C-alpha atoms as a PDB file:
ATOM      1  CA  MET A   1      -7.283  15.330   5.469  1.00  0.00           C
ATOM      2  CA  SER A   2      -3.508  15.123   5.898  1.00  0.00           C
ATOM      3  CA  VAL A   3      -1.251  12.107   5.513  1.00  0.00           C
ATOM      4  CA  GLU A   4      -0.786  12.156   9.286  1.00  0.00           C
ATOM      5  CA  ASP A   5      -4.568  12.044   9.790  1.00  0.00           C
ATOM      6  CA  LEU A   6      -4.890   9.051   7.448  1.00  0.00           C
ATOM      7  CA  ALA A   7      -2.017   7.178   9.058  1.00  0.00           C
ATOM      8  CA  GLY A   8      -3.699   7.373  12.452  1.00  0.00           C
ATOM      9  CA  GLN A   9      -7.069   6.052  11.332  1.00  0.00           C
ATOM     10  CA  PRO A  10      -8.078   2.587  12.560  1.00  0.00           C
ATOM     11  CA  VAL A  11      -9.520   0.097  10.097  1.00  0.00           C
ATOM     12  CA  ALA A  12     -13.196  -0.705  10.557  1.00  0.00           C
ATOM     13  CA  PRO A  13     -14.188  -4.373  10.928  1.00  0.00           C
ATOM     14  CA  GLY A  14     -15.607  -5.589   7.624  1.00  0.00           C
ATOM     15  CA  ALA A  15     -13.693  -3.019   5.571  1.00  0.00           C
ATOM     16  CA  ALA A  16     -11.696  -5.590   3.616  1.00  0.00           C
ATOM     17  CA  ASP A  17     -13.029  -6.886   0.322  1.00  0.00           C
ATOM     18  CA  LEU A  18     -13.467 -10.396   1.727  1.00  0.00           C
ATOM     19  CA  PRO A  19     -16.628 -10.943   3.780  1.00  0.00           C
ATOM     20  CA  ALA A  20     -16.108 -11.364   7.520  1.00  0.00           C
ATOM     21  CA  SER A  21     -17.549 -14.892   7.283  1.00  0.00           C
ATOM     22  CA  VAL A  22     -14.611 -15.877   5.044  1.00  0.00           C
ATOM     23  CA  VAL A  23     -11.848 -14.428   7.183  1.00  0.00           C
ATOM     24  CA  GLY A  24     -13.516 -14.731  10.593  1.00  0.00           C
ATOM     25  CA  GLY A  25     -13.593 -11.057  11.587  1.00  0.00           C
ATOM     26  CA  ALA A  26     -11.043  -8.271  11.743  1.00  0.00           C
ATOM     27  CA  ARG A  27      -8.215 -10.026  13.636  1.00  0.00           C
ATOM     28  CA  PRO A  28      -7.189 -12.368  10.796  1.00  0.00           C
ATOM     29  CA  ARG A  29      -7.199  -9.392   8.412  1.00  0.00           C
ATOM     30  CA  ILE A  30      -4.940  -7.454  10.755  1.00  0.00           C
ATOM     31  CA  ARG A  31      -2.619 -10.461  11.030  1.00  0.00           C
ATOM     32  CA  ALA A  32      -2.536 -10.708   7.227  1.00  0.00           C
ATOM     33  CA  LEU A  33      -1.651  -7.010   6.944  1.00  0.00           C
ATOM     34  CA  VAL A  34       1.160  -7.424   9.486  1.00  0.00           C
ATOM     35  CA  ALA A  35       2.464 -10.499   7.616  1.00  0.00           C
ATOM     36  CA  THR A  36       2.384  -8.562   4.333  1.00  0.00           C
ATOM     37  CA  ALA A  37       4.279  -5.646   5.875  1.00  0.00           C
ATOM     38  CA  ARG A  38       6.878  -8.017   7.341  1.00  0.00           C
ATOM     39  CA  SER A  39       7.278  -9.679   3.943  1.00  0.00           C
ATOM     40  CA  ILE A  40       7.824  -6.316   2.241  1.00  0.00           C
ATOM     41  CA  TYR A  41      10.511  -5.285   4.702  1.00  0.00           C
ATOM     42  CA  GLN A  42      12.199  -8.712   4.576  1.00  0.00           C
ATOM     43  CA  GLU A  43      12.282  -8.805   0.772  1.00  0.00           C
ATOM     44  CA  TRP A  44      12.997  -5.137  -0.010  1.00  0.00           C
ATOM     45  CA  ASP A  45      15.774  -2.761   1.051  1.00  0.00           C
ATOM     46  CA  GLY A  46      14.708   0.801   1.681  1.00  0.00           C
ATOM     47  CA  PHE A  47      11.080   0.241   0.681  1.00  0.00           C
ATOM     48  CA  LYS A  48       9.046   3.435   1.032  1.00  0.00           C
ATOM     49  CA  ALA A  49       5.607   4.682   0.052  1.00  0.00           C
ATOM     50  CA  VAL A  50       5.987   8.449  -0.188  1.00  0.00           C
ATOM     51  CA  PRO A  51       2.903  10.526  -1.026  1.00  0.00           C
ATOM     52  CA  ASP A  52       3.333  13.629  -3.191  1.00  0.00           C
ATOM     53  CA  GLN A  53      -0.202  14.822  -2.687  1.00  0.00           C
ATOM     54  CA  VAL A  54      -3.215  14.056  -0.508  1.00  0.00           C
ATOM     55  CA  ILE A  55      -6.645  15.205  -1.634  1.00  0.00           C
ATOM     56  CA  GLY A  56      -9.721  15.002   0.555  1.00  0.00           C
ATOM     57  CA  ASP A  57     -13.402  15.658   0.021  1.00  0.00           C
ATOM     58  CA  GLY A  58     -15.946  14.721   2.664  1.00  0.00           C
ATOM     59  CA  ASP A  59     -15.364  11.113   3.691  1.00  0.00           C
ATOM     60  CA  GLN A  60     -13.051  10.428   0.720  1.00  0.00           C
ATOM     61  CA  ALA A  61      -9.284  10.911   0.584  1.00  0.00           C
ATOM     62  CA  ALA A  62      -6.696   9.980  -2.027  1.00  0.00           C
ATOM     63  CA  ALA A  63      -2.909   9.888  -1.732  1.00  0.00           C
ATOM     64  CA  LEU A  64      -0.791  10.042  -4.895  1.00  0.00           C
ATOM     65  CA  GLY A  65       2.845   9.074  -4.556  1.00  0.00           C
ATOM     66  CA  TRP A  66       5.756   6.755  -5.311  1.00  0.00           C
ATOM     67  CA  TYR A  67       6.849   3.333  -4.065  1.00  0.00           C
ATOM     68  CA  THR A  68      10.637   3.069  -4.031  1.00  0.00           C
ATOM     69  CA  GLY A  69      13.087   0.416  -2.885  1.00  0.00           C
ATOM     70  CA  THR A  70      15.437  -2.339  -4.019  1.00  0.00           C
ATOM     71  CA  TYR A  71      14.310  -5.952  -4.297  1.00  0.00           C
ATOM     72  CA  ARG A  72      16.978  -7.961  -2.466  1.00  0.00           C
ATOM     73  CA  ALA A  73      16.805 -11.159  -4.527  1.00  0.00           C
ATOM     74  CA  THR A  74      17.456  -9.421  -7.859  1.00  0.00           C
ATOM     75  CA  GLY A  75      19.071  -6.144  -6.846  1.00  0.00           C
ATOM     76  CA  ALA A  76      16.521  -4.305  -9.001  1.00  0.00           C
ATOM     77  CA  GLY A  77      15.488  -0.809  -7.994  1.00  0.00           C
ATOM     78  CA  LEU A  78      11.839   0.224  -8.018  1.00  0.00           C
ATOM     79  CA  ARG A  79      10.139   3.556  -8.583  1.00  0.00           C
ATOM     80  CA  ALA A  80       6.420   2.954  -9.199  1.00  0.00           C
ATOM     81  CA  ARG A  81       3.501   5.385  -8.994  1.00  0.00           C
ATOM     82  CA  PHE A  82       0.697   4.583  -6.562  1.00  0.00           C
ATOM     83  CA  VAL A  83      -2.711   5.896  -5.606  1.00  0.00           C
ATOM     84  CA  HIS A  84      -4.274   5.013  -2.264  1.00  0.00           C
ATOM     85  CA  TRP A  85      -7.995   5.778  -2.003  1.00  0.00           C
ATOM     86  CA  PHE A  86      -9.635   5.841   1.419  1.00  0.00           C
ATOM     87  CA  THR A  87     -13.180   6.133   2.694  1.00  0.00           C
ATOM     88  CA  VAL A  88     -13.278   7.329   6.302  1.00  0.00           C
ATOM     89  CA  ARG A  89     -16.535   7.177   8.268  1.00  0.00           C
ATOM     90  CA  ALA A  90     -16.998   7.847  11.969  1.00  0.00           C
ATOM     91  CA  GLY A  91     -13.227   8.031  12.401  1.00  0.00           C
ATOM     92  CA  LEU A  92     -12.606   4.600  10.823  1.00  0.00           C
ATOM     93  CA  ILE A  93     -11.144   3.635   7.463  1.00  0.00           C
ATOM     94  CA  THR A  94     -14.050   1.673   5.991  1.00  0.00           C
ATOM     95  CA  ARG A  95     -12.596   1.183   2.514  1.00  0.00           C
ATOM     96  CA  PHE A  96      -9.099   1.181   1.041  1.00  0.00           C
ATOM     97  CA  GLU A  97      -8.128   0.765  -2.592  1.00  0.00           C
ATOM     98  CA  GLN A  98      -4.600   0.627  -3.969  1.00  0.00           C
ATOM     99  CA  VAL A  99      -3.589   1.251  -7.569  1.00  0.00           C
ATOM    100  CA  VAL A 100       0.022   0.646  -8.618  1.00  0.00           C
ATOM    101  CA  ASP A 101       1.903  -0.093 -11.815  1.00  0.00           C
ATOM    102  CA  SER A 102       2.285  -3.773 -10.967  1.00  0.00           C
ATOM    103  CA  ALA A 103       4.288  -4.460 -14.161  1.00  0.00           C
ATOM    104  CA  LEU A 104       7.142  -2.415 -12.672  1.00  0.00           C
ATOM    105  CA  VAL A 105       6.941  -4.388  -9.419  1.00  0.00           C
ATOM    106  CA  GLU A 106       6.888  -7.682 -11.356  1.00  0.00           C
ATOM    107  CA  ARG A 107       9.952  -6.590 -13.324  1.00  0.00           C
ATOM    108  CA  CYS A 108      11.811  -6.070 -10.028  1.00  0.00           C
ATOM    109  CA  VAL A 109      10.917  -9.437  -8.559  1.00  0.00           C
ATOM    110  CA  SER A 110      11.553 -11.405 -11.775  1.00  0.00           C
ATOM    111  CA  ASP A 111      14.904 -12.994 -12.506  1.00  0.00           C
ATOM    112  CA  THR A 112      15.952 -10.022 -14.638  1.00  0.00           C
ATOM    113  CA  PRO A 113      17.875  -7.634 -12.359  1.00  0.00           C
ATOM    114  CA  ALA A 114      17.264  -4.323 -14.105  1.00  0.00           C
ATOM    115  CA  ASP A 115      16.044  -1.120 -12.529  1.00  0.00           C
ATOM    116  CA  ALA A 116      12.308  -0.731 -12.941  1.00  0.00           C
ATOM    117  CA  GLY A 117      10.435   2.480 -13.071  1.00  0.00           C
ATOM    118  CA  PRO A 118      10.223   5.782 -14.831  1.00  0.00           C
ATOM    119  CA  PRO A 119      13.136   8.215 -14.758  1.00  0.00           C
ATOM    120  CA  ARG A 120      13.283  10.486 -11.736  1.00  0.00           C
END
């Protein structure tokens, strides 16, 4: 499965970790995702998630890549490795897991404006 294929997949209701009874169905989850995306683009300059590799097997796909950007409040640059793991069933993303070096992200958003991340 290509990155383009993954990007076009809708999210299945109930796919989030929280039960639907807690969040009241898919719409609040979608609103939360939109709010998170807005927050990222308001707080970061040039934020990108760029996959280096996408591996698929059956209904599973994983993207390995880098988050990059500059946190506006501190001026700190970020380069952090990520893995996105997807389960796709019947044309819907039914599960999504994100792994990132959150210590690098925390370093960017802390009061210490120093570039965070491994060398390029």
